[in-house]
Amino acid sequence: MKTLRIVRLLALMIYVSSCDLLSFNTPPESIGYNLYLSFQDVSGNDLVKGIEFNDSSGAVKDSLYTLDIIVSEPCQNWDNTTYNAPARPGFIPDVNLPQLGMVSYNGYSHLTNHFGLSVKNCGEQKKLTYKLKCPYIFGDDAVHEFITYWDIPHDKINHAAKCYRIVFEGKEITPTPMINHENTTFTAAIILK
């Protein structure tokens, strides 16, 4: 009797662990596109340092920038004309506008953006265009465009795309994964003249 209980317990453990292993082979339900950018002048001065934050959210103060993200493959969960998730009953579209945060990494302040999309409703976005207006950093009211290129994960463990190239003002920049983020967040330095 005791042996039968042990066999049943072992069988249950094998069954549960095999189900977990099988679930790792299914694609993720959503994909995160996580990008951290430092902005520096040619002398290496940190142009992000000292930027103001919203007290309530901890994000960069909304009045200091506008950020629009354009997906390369139009989809039902993101509207490229409003740079926003489409309106749904009970939701105001503006709550989904892309936001910037700020972290310090490797001695520089980085503007951060965590952008996520449903695979079912948006598919894989291998290219995202970021349009950023931020007089605090650029010293002008112009919209500056960053074209980013991404490799998409095909496993359930990693839900973050890997940024492998950024094009800014005709220059190609190769981002690197942040240490201790297991290839889920990519960073690059943008040098402004």
C-alpha atoms as a PDB file:
ATOM      1  CA  MET A   1       0.000   0.000   0.000  1.00  0.00           C
ATOM      2  CA  LYS A   2       2.792   2.395   0.932  1.00  0.00           C
ATOM      3  CA  THR A   3       4.634   1.566  -2.296  1.00  0.00           C
ATOM      4  CA  LEU A   4       1.499   2.306  -4.339  1.00  0.00           C
ATOM      5  CA  ARG A   5       1.189   5.764  -2.713  1.00  0.00           C
ATOM      6  CA  ILE A   6       4.818   6.552  -3.486  1.00  0.00           C
ATOM      7  CA  VAL A   7       4.380   5.439  -7.115  1.00  0.00           C
ATOM      8  CA  ARG A   8       1.241   7.609  -7.463  1.00  0.00           C
ATOM      9  CA  LEU A   9       3.010  10.592  -5.915  1.00  0.00           C
ATOM     10  CA  LEU A  10       5.984  10.167  -8.265  1.00  0.00           C
ATOM     11  CA  ALA A  11       3.662   9.816 -11.265  1.00  0.00           C
ATOM     12  CA  LEU A  12       1.829  13.001 -10.258  1.00  0.00           C
ATOM     13  CA  MET A  13       5.123  14.891  -9.869  1.00  0.00           C
ATOM     14  CA  ILE A  14       6.335  13.746 -13.306  1.00  0.00           C
ATOM     15  CA  TYR A  15       3.014  14.701 -14.906  1.00  0.00           C
ATOM     16  CA  VAL A  16       2.995  18.195 -13.365  1.00  0.00           C
ATOM     17  CA  SER A  17       6.624  18.895 -14.245  1.00  0.00           C
ATOM     18  CA  SER A  18       6.175  17.657 -17.832  1.00  0.00           C
ATOM     19  CA  CYS A  19       3.202  20.012 -18.283  1.00  0.00           C
ATOM     20  CA  ASP A  20       5.376  22.907 -17.123  1.00  0.00           C
ATOM     21  CA  LEU A  21       8.114  21.922 -19.549  1.00  0.00           C
ATOM     22  CA  LEU A  22       5.658  21.706 -22.434  1.00  0.00           C
ATOM     23  CA  SER A  23       4.290  25.170 -21.689  1.00  0.00           C
ATOM     24  CA  PHE A  24       7.757  26.692 -22.252  1.00  0.00           C
ATOM     25  CA  ASN A  25       7.506  25.737 -25.918  1.00  0.00           C
ATOM     26  CA  THR A  26       4.355  27.785 -26.527  1.00  0.00           C
ATOM     27  CA  PRO A  27       4.766  31.344 -27.792  1.00  0.00           C
ATOM     28  CA  PRO A  28       4.252  34.264 -25.408  1.00  0.00           C
ATOM     29  CA  GLU A  29       0.890  36.042 -25.265  1.00  0.00           C
ATOM     30  CA  SER A  30       2.507  39.474 -25.323  1.00  0.00           C
ATOM     31  CA  ILE A  31       5.889  40.875 -26.220  1.00  0.00           C
ATOM     32  CA  GLY A  32       7.740  43.653 -24.410  1.00  0.00           C
ATOM     33  CA  TYR A  33       9.950  46.122 -26.241  1.00  0.00           C
ATOM     34  CA  ASN A  34      12.130  47.603 -23.474  1.00  0.00           C
ATOM     35  CA  LEU A  35      14.513  50.389 -24.412  1.00  0.00           C
ATOM     36  CA  TYR A  36      16.726  52.616 -22.220  1.00  0.00           C
ATOM     37  CA  LEU A  37      18.479  55.536 -23.923  1.00  0.00           C
ATOM     38  CA  SER A  38      21.117  57.849 -22.488  1.00  0.00           C
ATOM     39  CA  PHE A  39      21.591  61.196 -24.200  1.00  0.00           C
ATOM     40  CA  GLN A  40      25.019  62.823 -24.087  1.00  0.00           C
ATOM     41  CA  ASP A  41      26.766  65.717 -25.763  1.00  0.00           C
ATOM     42  CA  VAL A  42      30.092  65.184 -27.575  1.00  0.00           C
ATOM     43  CA  SER A  43      31.954  65.877 -24.314  1.00  0.00           C
ATOM     44  CA  GLY A  44      30.094  63.048 -22.550  1.00  0.00           C
ATOM     45  CA  ASN A  45      27.852  65.296 -20.453  1.00  0.00           C
ATOM     46  CA  ASP A  46      24.610  63.642 -19.300  1.00  0.00           C
ATOM     47  CA  LEU A  47      21.713  65.516 -20.968  1.00  0.00           C
ATOM     48  CA  VAL A  48      18.977  63.589 -19.109  1.00  0.00           C
ATOM     49  CA  LYS A  49      20.255  64.258 -15.590  1.00  0.00           C
ATOM     50  CA  GLY A  50      17.969  66.565 -13.617  1.00  0.00           C
ATOM     51  CA  ILE A  51      14.836  66.023 -15.706  1.00  0.00           C
ATOM     52  CA  GLU A  52      11.645  66.516 -13.643  1.00  0.00           C
ATOM     53  CA  PHE A  53       9.289  63.734 -12.569  1.00  0.00           C
ATOM     54  CA  ASN A  54       5.555  63.491 -11.900  1.00  0.00           C
ATOM     55  CA  ASP A  55       5.177  63.054  -8.155  1.00  0.00           C
ATOM     56  CA  SER A  56       2.284  60.603  -8.484  1.00  0.00           C
ATOM     57  CA  SER A  57       3.613  58.257 -11.182  1.00  0.00           C
ATOM     58  CA  GLY A  58       7.376  58.570 -10.906  1.00  0.00           C
ATOM     59  CA  ALA A  59       7.541  58.968 -14.697  1.00  0.00           C
ATOM     60  CA  VAL A  60       9.124  61.909 -16.466  1.00  0.00           C
ATOM     61  CA  LYS A  61       6.872  64.963 -16.245  1.00  0.00           C
ATOM     62  CA  ASP A  62       4.323  64.760 -19.087  1.00  0.00           C
ATOM     63  CA  SER A  63       4.710  68.431 -20.028  1.00  0.00           C
ATOM     64  CA  LEU A  64       8.417  67.949 -20.849  1.00  0.00           C
ATOM     65  CA  TYR A  65       8.011  65.606 -23.805  1.00  0.00           C
ATOM     66  CA  THR A  66       5.796  63.871 -26.304  1.00  0.00           C
ATOM     67  CA  LEU A  67       6.513  60.302 -27.326  1.00  0.00           C
ATOM     68  CA  ASP A  68       4.766  58.642 -30.234  1.00  0.00           C
ATOM     69  CA  ILE A  69       5.439  55.035 -31.208  1.00  0.00           C
ATOM     70  CA  ILE A  70       4.592  53.721 -34.659  1.00  0.00           C
ATOM     71  CA  VAL A  71       4.272  49.969 -35.173  1.00  0.00           C
ATOM     72  CA  SER A  72       5.480  48.540 -38.493  1.00  0.00           C
ATOM     73  CA  GLU A  73       2.632  46.053 -38.817  1.00  0.00           C
ATOM     74  CA  PRO A  74      -0.736  47.803 -38.284  1.00  0.00           C
ATOM     75  CA  CYS A  75      -2.882  45.984 -35.770  1.00  0.00           C
ATOM     76  CA  GLN A  76      -6.146  46.207 -33.875  1.00  0.00           C
ATOM     77  CA  ASN A  77      -4.495  46.843 -30.497  1.00  0.00           C
ATOM     78  CA  TRP A  78      -2.475  49.936 -31.503  1.00  0.00           C
ATOM     79  CA  ASP A  79      -3.535  52.968 -33.523  1.00  0.00           C
ATOM     80  CA  ASN A  80      -0.675  54.620 -35.430  1.00  0.00           C
ATOM     81  CA  THR A  81      -2.745  57.771 -35.991  1.00  0.00           C
ATOM     82  CA  THR A  82      -3.236  58.474 -32.278  1.00  0.00           C
ATOM     83  CA  TYR A  83      -0.139  56.573 -31.020  1.00  0.00           C
ATOM     84  CA  ASN A  84      -2.379  54.849 -28.587  1.00  0.00           C
ATOM     85  CA  ALA A  85      -4.470  51.758 -27.929  1.00  0.00           C
ATOM     86  CA  PRO A  86      -7.872  52.203 -29.605  1.00  0.00           C
ATOM     87  CA  ALA A  87     -10.793  53.411 -27.499  1.00  0.00           C
ATOM     88  CA  ARG A  88     -12.907  50.732 -25.838  1.00  0.00           C
ATOM     89  CA  PRO A  89     -16.056  51.181 -23.787  1.00  0.00           C
ATOM     90  CA  GLY A  90     -15.119  52.344 -20.310  1.00  0.00           C
ATOM     91  CA  PHE A  91     -11.548  53.332 -21.196  1.00  0.00           C
ATOM     92  CA  ILE A  92     -10.123  56.691 -22.195  1.00  0.00           C
ATOM     93  CA  PRO A  93      -7.461  56.236 -24.920  1.00  0.00           C
ATOM     94  CA  ASP A  94      -5.017  58.725 -23.363  1.00  0.00           C
ATOM     95  CA  VAL A  95      -4.332  56.436 -20.418  1.00  0.00           C
ATOM     96  CA  ASN A  96      -2.372  54.218 -22.796  1.00  0.00           C
ATOM     97  CA  LEU A  97      -0.032  56.832 -24.250  1.00  0.00           C
ATOM     98  CA  PRO A  98       3.614  55.752 -24.146  1.00  0.00           C
ATOM     99  CA  GLN A  99       5.472  57.124 -21.132  1.00  0.00           C
ATOM    100  CA  LEU A 100       9.087  57.793 -20.285  1.00  0.00           C
ATOM    101  CA  GLY A 101      10.720  56.865 -17.034  1.00  0.00           C
ATOM    102  CA  MET A 102      14.295  57.487 -15.949  1.00  0.00           C
ATOM    103  CA  VAL A 103      16.953  55.290 -14.369  1.00  0.00           C
ATOM    104  CA  SER A 104      20.633  55.677 -13.662  1.00  0.00           C
ATOM    105  CA  TYR A 105      22.853  53.039 -15.273  1.00  0.00           C
ATOM    106  CA  ASN A 106      26.627  52.938 -15.833  1.00  0.00           C
ATOM    107  CA  GLY A 107      27.015  56.487 -14.563  1.00  0.00           C
ATOM    108  CA  TYR A 108      24.410  58.040 -16.903  1.00  0.00           C
ATOM    109  CA  SER A 109      20.723  58.833 -16.671  1.00  0.00           C
ATOM    110  CA  HIS A 110      18.618  56.894 -19.177  1.00  0.00           C
ATOM    111  CA  LEU A 111      15.142  57.642 -20.471  1.00  0.00           C
ATOM    112  CA  THR A 112      13.187  54.393 -20.290  1.00  0.00           C
ATOM    113  CA  ASN A 113      10.244  53.044 -22.204  1.00  0.00           C
ATOM    114  CA  HIS A 114       8.508  49.711 -21.667  1.00  0.00           C
ATOM    115  CA  PHE A 115       6.194  49.105 -24.615  1.00  0.00           C
ATOM    116  CA  GLY A 116       4.152  45.912 -24.794  1.00  0.00           C
ATOM    117  CA  LEU A 117       1.761  44.489 -27.346  1.00  0.00           C
ATOM    118  CA  SER A 118      -0.465  41.440 -27.511  1.00  0.00           C
ATOM    119  CA  VAL A 119       0.790  38.855 -30.000  1.00  0.00           C
ATOM    120  CA  LYS A 120      -2.792  37.811 -30.791  1.00  0.00           C
ATOM    121  CA  ASN A 121      -3.951  41.356 -31.600  1.00  0.00           C
ATOM    122  CA  CYS A 122      -0.715  42.836 -32.962  1.00  0.00           C
ATOM    123  CA  GLY A 123       1.576  40.077 -34.111  1.00  0.00           C
ATOM    124  CA  GLU A 124       5.325  40.484 -34.090  1.00  0.00           C
ATOM    125  CA  GLN A 125       6.647  44.004 -34.535  1.00  0.00           C
ATOM    126  CA  LYS A 126      10.152  43.738 -35.938  1.00  0.00           C
ATOM    127  CA  LYS A 127      10.469  47.496 -36.377  1.00  0.00           C
ATOM    128  CA  LEU A 128       9.212  50.306 -34.143  1.00  0.00           C
ATOM    129  CA  THR A 129       9.594  54.016 -34.836  1.00  0.00           C
ATOM    130  CA  TYR A 130       9.869  56.286 -31.806  1.00  0.00           C
ATOM    131  CA  LYS A 131       9.124  59.978 -32.341  1.00  0.00           C
ATOM    132  CA  LEU A 132      10.388  62.023 -29.407  1.00  0.00           C
ATOM    133  CA  LYS A 133       9.992  65.731 -28.785  1.00  0.00           C
ATOM    134  CA  CYS A 134      11.859  66.849 -25.667  1.00  0.00           C
ATOM    135  CA  PRO A 135      13.290  70.399 -25.541  1.00  0.00           C
ATOM    136  CA  TYR A 136      15.005  69.561 -22.225  1.00  0.00           C
ATOM    137  CA  ILE A 137      17.284  67.106 -24.037  1.00  0.00           C
ATOM    138  CA  PHE A 138      17.435  68.340 -27.624  1.00  0.00           C
ATOM    139  CA  GLY A 139      17.254  72.089 -27.000  1.00  0.00           C
ATOM    140  CA  ASP A 140      14.570  72.518 -29.667  1.00  0.00           C
ATOM    141  CA  ASP A 141      10.880  71.832 -30.349  1.00  0.00           C
ATOM    142  CA  ALA A 142      11.567  69.423 -33.218  1.00  0.00           C
ATOM    143  CA  VAL A 143      10.418  65.819 -33.285  1.00  0.00           C
ATOM    144  CA  HIS A 144      13.398  63.444 -33.369  1.00  0.00           C
ATOM    145  CA  GLU A 145      12.927  59.992 -34.864  1.00  0.00           C
ATOM    146  CA  PHE A 146      14.502  56.711 -33.764  1.00  0.00           C
ATOM    147  CA  ILE A 147      13.938  53.604 -35.878  1.00  0.00           C
ATOM    148  CA  THR A 148      14.497  50.448 -33.852  1.00  0.00           C
ATOM    149  CA  TYR A 149      14.816  46.858 -35.066  1.00  0.00           C
ATOM    150  CA  TRP A 150      13.879  43.846 -32.928  1.00  0.00           C
ATOM    151  CA  ASP A 151      14.302  40.071 -32.819  1.00  0.00           C
ATOM    152  CA  ILE A 152      11.174  38.434 -31.421  1.00  0.00           C
ATOM    153  CA  PRO A 153      11.325  35.597 -28.858  1.00  0.00           C
ATOM    154  CA  HIS A 154       9.542  32.362 -29.648  1.00  0.00           C
ATOM    155  CA  ASP A 155       9.481  30.816 -26.207  1.00  0.00           C
ATOM    156  CA  LYS A 156       7.307  31.315 -23.169  1.00  0.00           C
ATOM    157  CA  ILE A 157      10.175  32.032 -20.790  1.00  0.00           C
ATOM    158  CA  ASN A 158      11.325  35.273 -22.431  1.00  0.00           C
ATOM    159  CA  HIS A 159       8.570  37.757 -23.295  1.00  0.00           C
ATOM    160  CA  ALA A 160      10.913  40.564 -24.342  1.00  0.00           C
ATOM    161  CA  ALA A 161      12.095  41.355 -27.843  1.00  0.00           C
ATOM    162  CA  LYS A 162      15.791  41.957 -28.420  1.00  0.00           C
ATOM    163  CA  CYS A 163      16.747  45.310 -29.905  1.00  0.00           C
ATOM    164  CA  TYR A 164      19.695  44.825 -32.246  1.00  0.00           C
ATOM    165  CA  ARG A 165      19.826  48.141 -34.145  1.00  0.00           C
ATOM    166  CA  ILE A 166      18.769  51.776 -33.778  1.00  0.00           C
ATOM    167  CA  VAL A 167      18.929  54.347 -36.578  1.00  0.00           C
ATOM    168  CA  PHE A 168      19.028  57.981 -35.452  1.00  0.00           C
ATOM    169  CA  GLU A 169      19.749  60.860 -37.844  1.00  0.00           C
ATOM    170  CA  GLY A 170      21.303  58.482 -40.378  1.00  0.00           C
ATOM    171  CA  LYS A 171      23.629  56.865 -37.814  1.00  0.00           C
ATOM    172  CA  GLU A 172      23.377  53.226 -36.817  1.00  0.00           C
ATOM    173  CA  ILE A 173      23.717  52.418 -33.139  1.00  0.00           C
ATOM    174  CA  THR A 174      24.065  48.905 -31.738  1.00  0.00           C
ATOM    175  CA  PRO A 175      22.277  48.608 -28.387  1.00  0.00           C
ATOM    176  CA  THR A 176      23.514  46.250 -25.695  1.00  0.00           C
ATOM    177  CA  PRO A 177      21.570  44.218 -23.139  1.00  0.00           C
ATOM    178  CA  MET A 178      21.615  45.670 -19.654  1.00  0.00           C
ATOM    179  CA  ILE A 179      23.584  43.642 -17.133  1.00  0.00           C
ATOM    180  CA  ASN A 180      21.346  41.520 -14.838  1.00  0.00           C
ATOM    181  CA  HIS A 181      18.295  41.921 -17.087  1.00  0.00           C
ATOM    182  CA  GLU A 182      18.741  38.603 -18.967  1.00  0.00           C
ATOM    183  CA  ASN A 183      18.400  40.114 -22.468  1.00  0.00           C
ATOM    184  CA  THR A 184      15.042  41.736 -21.690  1.00  0.00           C
ATOM    185  CA  THR A 185      16.143  45.385 -21.659  1.00  0.00           C
ATOM    186  CA  PHE A 186      18.432  47.088 -24.142  1.00  0.00           C
ATOM    187  CA  THR A 187      20.381  50.297 -23.759  1.00  0.00           C
ATOM    188  CA  ALA A 188      22.204  52.675 -26.081  1.00  0.00           C
ATOM    189  CA  ALA A 189      23.957  56.032 -25.867  1.00  0.00           C
ATOM    190  CA  ILE A 190      22.744  58.754 -28.214  1.00  0.00           C
ATOM    191  CA  ILE A 191      25.443  61.378 -28.804  1.00  0.00           C
ATOM    192  CA  LEU A 192      24.041  64.797 -29.738  1.00  0.00           C
ATOM    193  CA  LYS A 193      26.148  67.428 -31.469  1.00  0.00           C
END
